Structure formats: C-alpha cells, structure tokens
C-alpha cells in the first residue's frame, strides 16, 4: 500500500449496536448475550444477538417498501461504494427540499446531516425527513443513493411513504441512521456495505467515509 493511501483519514459514521440502542417505536429491541463463555470453561467466547434488520446504521432494500422488491442479498453493491457529498442540513425546517441543496456537480451519492448532535440514547420522533420532490430532482441529476442521519427518509407518522416511493421509482438506494456529527460538509469516499441477508428488508452496515485521494 502506498503512503498516500495509508494516510487518508477515515470517519466511522456507524452507530454502535448495543443493548439500549433506540429503535423505531414498536420494533425489536437490540439484545446481546454470551452463549458460550470462557469463564464457564469454554475455550472461546461466542455471543448471540436479537435485533431488527433496521437496527442502527442500515441500508433499506427495495423489499422494505415494495412487496416484489429486491431483498438485501440481491442488491448490487455499486451504489454503496464511491464518491459522495455530505450536505449540512441542520438549519432546515420541515423536510429537506431542493431549495436547501448546494450546487451539485457530478455527484452519485448524497448524505444529509440533520441532527445538531446525533441522539445515541434517545428516540427522536421529530427528525428531519427528505422531500419526495427533492429525491426526484436528485435522481434526474444522476444520484443513485441518498443517506441520512435520521431513522427514515419519510416522517415517522407517514402512511404514504412518498420519499421511499420516489426512491423506488428511480431504483435508488437508501442509507439511514448515519452518524455525521464530526464530518464537515464536503466530498468523501463512501464505503457502506449492507449485510447479505436472504429475504432481508434491510442490511446492517459498518459505514465509513474516507478522505479522497486528491484531498
């Protein structure tokens, strides 16, 4: 590995999976326990987990919002790898709209920071969603993935799922639950691969941003 590659800064933008992790109201709480323990004589420690497919940082699969959509195991990985633009949307009131976007110049992936400080310990129902017409506009610009630090691109009480439908219409992909507190607005390399889960309506991610090689 060359020296310029090894010195590129990395930001971990994933939530830590742990008991007490805030989850969508009514969804499965995260649980972790040891099934094999070295203190009990086992040569190794082995744990088991119970969780929602939407726990923490995750990528929605089309199956989440379309009955015949692709599952997490069938999604192509290209949308989750490559250059992205992080947009600071903390000052937005209501849903993020086209008017809130900076100038976009040849970008395939867009991530939105909406929280002043990510709520690691509490569920926030007043998160900032993404407007469906803004997603439509991004798709026309060639954007193939939208990400947010919020738990959904639609409001918590939405019954029509308009933003998700706009994503589905243009075969885009979604990342939710990102942690962008320490990430300045700008361009980065995104690496966020959803787990390959057969039948999965989402795949949990270890998502990172890496400083671009020419930064």
Protein backbone atom coordinates (compact mmCIF):
# COMPACT_ATOMS: atom_id res chain seq x y z
CA UNK A 1 0.00 0.00 0.00
CA UNK A 2 1.37 3.40 -0.93
CA UNK A 3 1.92 6.07 1.71
CA UNK A 4 -0.78 8.38 0.34
CA UNK A 5 -3.38 5.62 0.67
CA UNK A 6 -2.45 4.72 4.23
CA UNK A 7 -2.60 8.35 5.38
CA UNK A 8 -6.13 9.06 4.15
CA UNK A 9 -8.37 9.94 7.10
CA UNK A 10 -11.33 7.71 7.92
CA UNK A 11 -14.58 8.72 9.65
CA UNK A 12 -16.67 5.92 11.17
CA UNK A 13 -20.27 7.03 10.59
CA UNK A 14 -21.93 3.95 12.10
CA UNK A 15 -23.94 3.59 15.28
CA UNK A 16 -22.69 1.15 17.91
CA UNK A 17 -25.01 -1.84 18.22
CA UNK A 18 -25.70 -2.34 21.93
CA UNK A 19 -28.48 -3.00 24.44
CA UNK A 20 -30.43 0.21 24.89
CA UNK A 21 -30.00 1.23 21.25
CA UNK A 22 -33.00 3.42 20.31
CA UNK A 23 -35.24 1.67 17.77
CA UNK A 24 -38.33 2.62 15.80
CA UNK A 25 -41.32 2.54 18.20
CA UNK A 26 -42.70 -1.00 18.33
CA UNK A 27 -39.71 -2.56 16.54
CA UNK A 28 -37.41 -5.22 18.04
CA UNK A 29 -35.02 -4.11 20.79
CA UNK A 30 -31.36 -4.98 20.35
CA UNK A 31 -30.21 -7.77 22.66
CA UNK A 32 -26.80 -9.38 23.06
CA UNK A 33 -25.79 -12.26 25.31
CA UNK A 34 -22.99 -14.79 25.64
CA UNK A 35 -23.99 -18.30 24.63
CA UNK A 36 -20.51 -19.75 25.25
CA UNK A 37 -18.31 -18.28 27.97
CA UNK A 38 -14.63 -18.78 28.71
CA UNK A 39 -15.30 -18.25 32.41
CA UNK A 40 -17.61 -21.29 32.25
CA UNK A 41 -14.91 -23.48 30.71
CA UNK A 42 -15.45 -22.85 27.01
CA UNK A 43 -12.22 -22.36 25.02
CA UNK A 44 -13.83 -19.35 23.32
CA UNK A 45 -16.43 -16.63 23.85
CA UNK A 46 -19.42 -16.74 21.48
CA UNK A 47 -22.35 -14.36 21.53
CA UNK A 48 -25.80 -14.23 20.02
CA UNK A 49 -27.90 -11.24 19.03
CA UNK A 50 -31.58 -10.44 18.58
CA UNK A 51 -32.33 -7.31 16.59
CA UNK A 52 -34.36 -5.64 13.87
CA UNK A 53 -32.97 -5.52 10.35
CA UNK A 54 -33.28 -1.74 10.79
CA UNK A 55 -31.20 -1.52 13.95
CA UNK A 56 -28.65 1.29 13.95
CA UNK A 57 -27.00 2.20 10.66
CA UNK A 58 -28.53 0.25 7.77
CA UNK A 59 -29.37 0.20 4.10
CA UNK A 60 -33.01 -0.31 3.17
CA UNK A 61 -33.60 -2.86 0.47
CA UNK A 62 -36.43 -2.26 -2.04
CA UNK A 63 -38.28 -5.14 -0.35
CA UNK A 64 -38.81 -2.82 2.63
CA UNK A 65 -41.21 -0.63 0.65
CA UNK A 66 -42.19 -2.83 -2.31
CA UNK A 67 -43.66 -6.32 -1.94
CA UNK A 68 -41.80 -7.59 -5.02
CA UNK A 69 -38.63 -5.50 -4.48
CA UNK A 70 -35.09 -6.85 -4.20
CA UNK A 71 -34.00 -8.26 -0.85
CA UNK A 72 -30.78 -7.28 0.87
CA UNK A 73 -28.92 -10.25 -0.57
CA UNK A 74 -29.81 -9.32 -4.15
CA UNK A 75 -28.82 -5.66 -4.17
CA UNK A 76 -25.81 -4.58 -6.23
CA UNK A 77 -23.01 -3.07 -4.18
CA UNK A 78 -22.01 -0.26 -6.53
CA UNK A 79 -24.34 2.38 -5.01
CA UNK A 80 -22.72 1.89 -1.60
CA UNK A 81 -19.14 2.41 -2.79
CA UNK A 82 -17.66 5.58 -4.22
CA UNK A 83 -17.54 9.34 -4.02
CA UNK A 84 -20.30 11.08 -2.10
CA UNK A 85 -21.27 14.58 -0.99
CA UNK A 86 -22.12 15.30 2.66
CA UNK A 87 -24.64 18.16 2.97
CA UNK A 88 -25.20 20.08 6.20
CA UNK A 89 -29.00 20.36 6.53
CA UNK A 90 -29.14 21.17 10.25
CA UNK A 91 -30.82 24.54 9.65
CA UNK A 92 -33.66 23.09 7.57
CA UNK A 93 -37.19 23.49 8.94
CA UNK A 94 -39.56 20.77 7.78
CA UNK A 95 -38.41 18.37 5.07
CA UNK A 96 -35.16 18.90 3.15
CA UNK A 97 -36.15 20.35 -0.23
CA UNK A 98 -34.45 21.25 -3.50
CA UNK A 99 -34.07 24.82 -2.24
CA UNK A 100 -31.89 23.54 0.62
CA UNK A 101 -29.36 21.90 -1.68
CA UNK A 102 -25.99 23.41 -2.55
CA UNK A 103 -24.74 23.39 -6.12
CA UNK A 104 -24.27 19.79 -7.21
CA UNK A 105 -21.51 18.99 -9.66
CA UNK A 106 -21.33 15.38 -10.82
CA UNK A 107 -22.26 13.50 -7.66
CA UNK A 108 -23.68 9.98 -7.43
CA UNK A 109 -24.30 9.78 -3.68
CA UNK A 110 -25.63 12.38 -1.25
CA UNK A 111 -25.66 12.16 2.57
CA UNK A 112 -27.59 14.59 4.77
CA UNK A 113 -26.64 15.70 8.25
CA UNK A 114 -29.80 16.89 10.01
CA UNK A 115 -29.06 16.44 13.74
CA UNK A 116 -27.03 19.01 15.63
CA UNK A 117 -25.92 16.10 17.80
CA UNK A 118 -26.87 12.52 16.98
CA UNK A 119 -29.33 11.10 19.60
CA UNK A 120 -27.44 7.95 20.62
CA UNK A 121 -29.50 7.33 23.75
CA UNK A 122 -32.98 8.63 22.94
CA UNK A 123 -35.52 8.10 20.19
CA UNK A 124 -36.37 11.35 18.37
CA UNK A 125 -39.70 11.41 16.55
CA UNK A 126 -39.15 14.98 15.30
CA UNK A 127 -36.36 14.08 12.88
CA UNK A 128 -35.97 15.89 9.56
CA UNK A 129 -37.26 13.87 6.56
CA UNK A 130 -36.40 14.27 2.87
CA UNK A 131 -38.98 15.73 0.48
CA UNK A 132 -40.08 13.36 -2.28
CA UNK A 133 -39.72 16.01 -4.99
CA UNK A 134 -36.15 16.64 -3.84
CA UNK A 135 -35.37 12.94 -4.26
CA UNK A 136 -36.97 13.08 -7.71
CA UNK A 137 -34.73 16.04 -8.59
CA UNK A 138 -31.61 14.26 -7.29
CA UNK A 139 -32.45 11.24 -9.41
CA UNK A 140 -32.57 13.45 -12.50
CA UNK A 141 -29.07 14.66 -11.63
CA UNK A 142 -27.82 11.06 -11.61
CA UNK A 143 -27.80 10.48 -7.86
CA UNK A 144 -28.23 6.78 -7.07
CA UNK A 145 -28.02 6.78 -3.26
CA UNK A 146 -29.35 9.09 -0.56
CA UNK A 147 -28.30 8.79 3.06
CA UNK A 148 -29.41 10.49 6.25
CA UNK A 149 -28.59 10.56 9.94
CA UNK A 150 -32.35 10.33 10.57
CA UNK A 151 -34.02 6.92 11.04
CA UNK A 152 -36.10 7.36 7.89
CA UNK A 153 -36.35 9.47 4.75
CA UNK A 154 -40.09 9.86 5.47
CA UNK A 155 -41.68 11.36 8.60
CA UNK A 156 -42.38 8.92 11.43
CA UNK A 157 -46.15 9.26 11.02
CA UNK A 158 -46.17 8.96 7.21
CA UNK A 159 -48.67 6.48 5.78
CA UNK A 160 -47.97 7.24 2.11
CA UNK A 161 -44.15 6.82 2.22
CA UNK A 162 -43.70 9.37 -0.56
CA UNK A 163 -39.92 9.67 -0.24
CA UNK A 164 -39.49 5.89 -0.28
CA UNK A 165 -41.73 5.69 -3.35
CA UNK A 166 -39.61 8.28 -5.14
CA UNK A 167 -36.52 6.21 -4.34
CA UNK A 168 -38.25 3.09 -5.65
CA UNK A 169 -39.39 4.83 -8.84
CA UNK A 170 -35.81 5.65 -9.77
CA UNK A 171 -34.22 2.46 -8.41
CA UNK A 172 -32.12 4.44 -5.95
CA UNK A 173 -30.80 3.18 -2.61
CA UNK A 174 -31.15 4.47 0.94
CA UNK A 175 -28.84 4.60 3.96
CA UNK A 176 -30.39 5.55 7.30
CA UNK A 177 -29.14 6.11 10.83
CA UNK A 178 -25.75 7.55 9.86
CA UNK A 179 -23.68 9.42 12.46
CA UNK A 180 -22.30 12.57 10.83
CA UNK A 181 -21.55 14.76 13.87
CA UNK A 182 -17.81 15.01 13.22
CA UNK A 183 -17.96 15.16 9.43
CA UNK A 184 -17.59 18.57 7.75
CA UNK A 185 -19.74 19.16 4.67
CA UNK A 186 -17.91 18.15 1.51
CA UNK A 187 -16.84 15.25 -0.66
CA UNK A 188 -15.62 11.86 0.57
CA UNK A 189 -15.35 8.24 -0.45
CA UNK A 190 -18.28 6.24 0.96
CA UNK A 191 -17.94 2.58 1.92
CA UNK A 192 -21.15 1.20 3.45
CA UNK A 193 -21.95 -2.40 2.52
CA UNK A 194 -25.30 -3.81 3.75
CA UNK A 195 -25.19 -7.36 5.11
CA UNK A 196 -26.12 -10.03 2.56
CA UNK A 197 -29.37 -11.26 4.15
CA UNK A 198 -31.64 -13.53 2.10
CA UNK A 199 -35.15 -12.13 2.38
CA UNK A 200 -33.80 -9.09 4.20
CA UNK A 201 -35.77 -5.86 4.01
CA UNK A 202 -32.60 -4.08 5.13
CA UNK A 203 -28.96 -4.84 5.79
CA UNK A 204 -26.99 -3.51 8.74
CA UNK A 205 -23.87 -1.56 7.72
CA UNK A 206 -20.46 -0.65 9.09
CA UNK A 207 -20.41 2.65 7.22
CA UNK A 208 -17.31 4.78 6.82
CA UNK A 209 -16.20 7.87 4.94
CA UNK A 210 -12.63 8.14 3.69
CA UNK A 211 -10.76 11.25 2.67
CA UNK A 212 -10.46 11.45 -1.09
CA UNK A 213 -7.09 10.57 -2.54
CA UNK A 214 -6.63 14.04 -4.05
CA UNK A 215 -7.86 15.96 -0.98
